[in-house]
Protein backbone atom coordinates (compact mmCIF):
# COMPACT_ATOMS: atom_id res chain seq x y z
CA MET A 1 0.00 0.00 0.00
CA ILE A 2 2.84 2.41 0.79
CA GLN A 3 4.27 1.81 -2.68
CA LEU A 4 0.99 2.87 -4.29
CA LEU A 5 0.86 6.03 -2.19
CA ALA A 6 4.40 6.92 -3.25
CA LEU A 7 3.29 6.97 -6.88
CA GLU A 8 0.08 8.96 -6.38
CA HIS A 9 -0.37 11.97 -8.63
CA THR A 10 -2.69 14.91 -8.12
CA LEU A 11 -4.55 15.75 -11.32
CA ALA A 12 -4.56 19.23 -12.79
CA ASP A 13 -7.46 20.61 -14.80
CA ASN A 14 -7.96 18.87 -18.15
CA GLU A 15 -5.40 16.19 -17.30
CA CYS A 16 -5.86 12.46 -17.88
CA TYR A 17 -3.18 10.62 -15.96
CA ILE A 18 -2.01 7.15 -16.97
CA ASP A 19 -1.28 5.25 -13.78
CA HIS A 20 0.47 1.89 -13.41
CA ILE A 21 0.53 0.81 -17.06
CA ALA A 22 2.51 -2.36 -17.69
CA VAL A 23 2.71 -5.25 -20.13
CA ASP A 24 3.89 -8.63 -18.88
CA HIS A 25 7.48 -9.25 -19.95
CA THR A 26 6.41 -12.34 -21.93
CA ALA A 27 4.10 -10.20 -24.06
CA GLN A 28 6.33 -7.18 -24.56
CA ARG A 29 7.46 -6.00 -28.01
CA GLN A 30 4.20 -7.19 -29.58
CA GLY A 31 2.54 -3.78 -29.87
CA ILE A 32 0.26 -4.17 -26.84
CA GLY A 33 1.57 -1.16 -24.93
CA LYS A 34 1.53 0.94 -28.09
CA ALA A 35 -2.08 -0.06 -28.80
CA LEU A 36 -3.15 0.77 -25.24
CA LEU A 37 -1.55 4.22 -25.43
CA GLN A 38 -2.96 4.95 -28.87
CA ARG A 39 -6.42 4.04 -27.59
CA ALA A 40 -5.98 6.46 -24.69
CA GLN A 41 -4.81 9.14 -27.13
CA SER A 42 -7.90 8.59 -29.28
CA GLU A 43 -10.16 9.25 -26.28
CA ILE A 44 -8.63 12.64 -25.41
CA SER A 45 -10.38 15.84 -26.44
CA SER A 46 -8.43 18.77 -27.84
CA ASN A 47 -8.40 20.64 -24.52
CA GLU A 48 -7.11 17.67 -22.48
CA ARG A 49 -3.68 16.13 -22.07
CA LEU A 50 -2.34 12.70 -21.19
CA THR A 51 0.38 12.50 -18.56
CA LEU A 52 2.40 9.76 -16.91
CA TYR A 53 5.47 9.09 -14.81
CA VAL A 54 8.10 6.63 -16.00
CA SER A 55 11.28 5.47 -14.31
CA GLU A 56 14.37 7.15 -15.72
CA LYS A 57 15.85 3.63 -15.98
CA ASN A 58 13.05 2.39 -18.28
CA SER A 59 14.52 3.52 -21.59
CA PRO A 60 12.36 1.21 -23.78
CA ALA A 61 9.18 2.75 -22.31
CA ILE A 62 10.56 6.27 -22.62
CA GLN A 63 11.35 5.61 -26.27
CA LEU A 64 7.85 4.24 -26.89
CA TYR A 65 6.27 7.31 -25.28
CA LYS A 66 8.47 9.63 -27.34
CA THR A 67 7.57 7.73 -30.52
CA LEU A 68 3.90 8.34 -29.69
CA GLY A 69 4.50 12.07 -29.22
CA PHE A 70 4.92 12.33 -25.46
CA GLN A 71 7.37 14.96 -24.30
CA ILE A 72 9.40 15.11 -21.10
CA THR A 73 8.20 18.04 -19.04
CA LYS A 74 10.09 17.46 -15.80
CA GLN A 75 12.20 15.04 -13.85
CA HIS A 76 11.50 14.21 -10.24
CA THR A 77 13.77 12.57 -7.71
CA SER A 78 12.13 11.04 -4.67
CA LEU A 79 13.97 9.51 -1.75
CA LEU A 80 10.82 7.58 -0.80
CA ARG A 81 10.46 6.11 -4.30
CA GLY A 82 14.15 5.32 -4.25
CA LEU A 83 13.78 3.37 -1.03
CA LEU A 84 10.58 1.58 -2.08
CA PHE A 85 11.37 0.83 -5.72
CA ASN A 86 15.15 1.24 -5.90
CA GLU A 87 14.37 3.91 -8.50
CA ALA A 88 14.57 7.45 -7.21
CA SER A 89 14.51 9.29 -10.57
CA TRP A 90 11.20 9.54 -12.41
CA ILE A 91 10.36 11.40 -15.59
CA PHE A 92 7.03 13.16 -16.06
CA MET A 93 5.81 13.05 -19.66
CA GLU A 94 2.91 14.75 -21.38
CA TRP A 95 0.99 14.34 -24.64
CA ARG A 96 -1.42 16.84 -26.21
CA LYS A 97 -3.58 16.27 -29.24
CA VAL A 98 -2.38 18.27 -32.25
CA THR A 99 -5.28 20.28 -33.64
């Protein structure tokens, strides 16, 4: 439960936050994560944005998000997340629909 609290995010106006997205390692690199994200992107209106946190160590996920148009908006280091997950550095990424 403490781990979930450490990853909580407070939503801003017009923000749709992607929380705890994962694909089992046996099913990775089959387009499942990409399809999930594209579906989320298709549901967003022009005044909303998708956001997510990703571990700085998760370069395949970061590359996928960048490929889908997400941009890094900030980096956050958390001692608590470092202790709980052995990953203190997290990247906040954002996607907005191009109109």
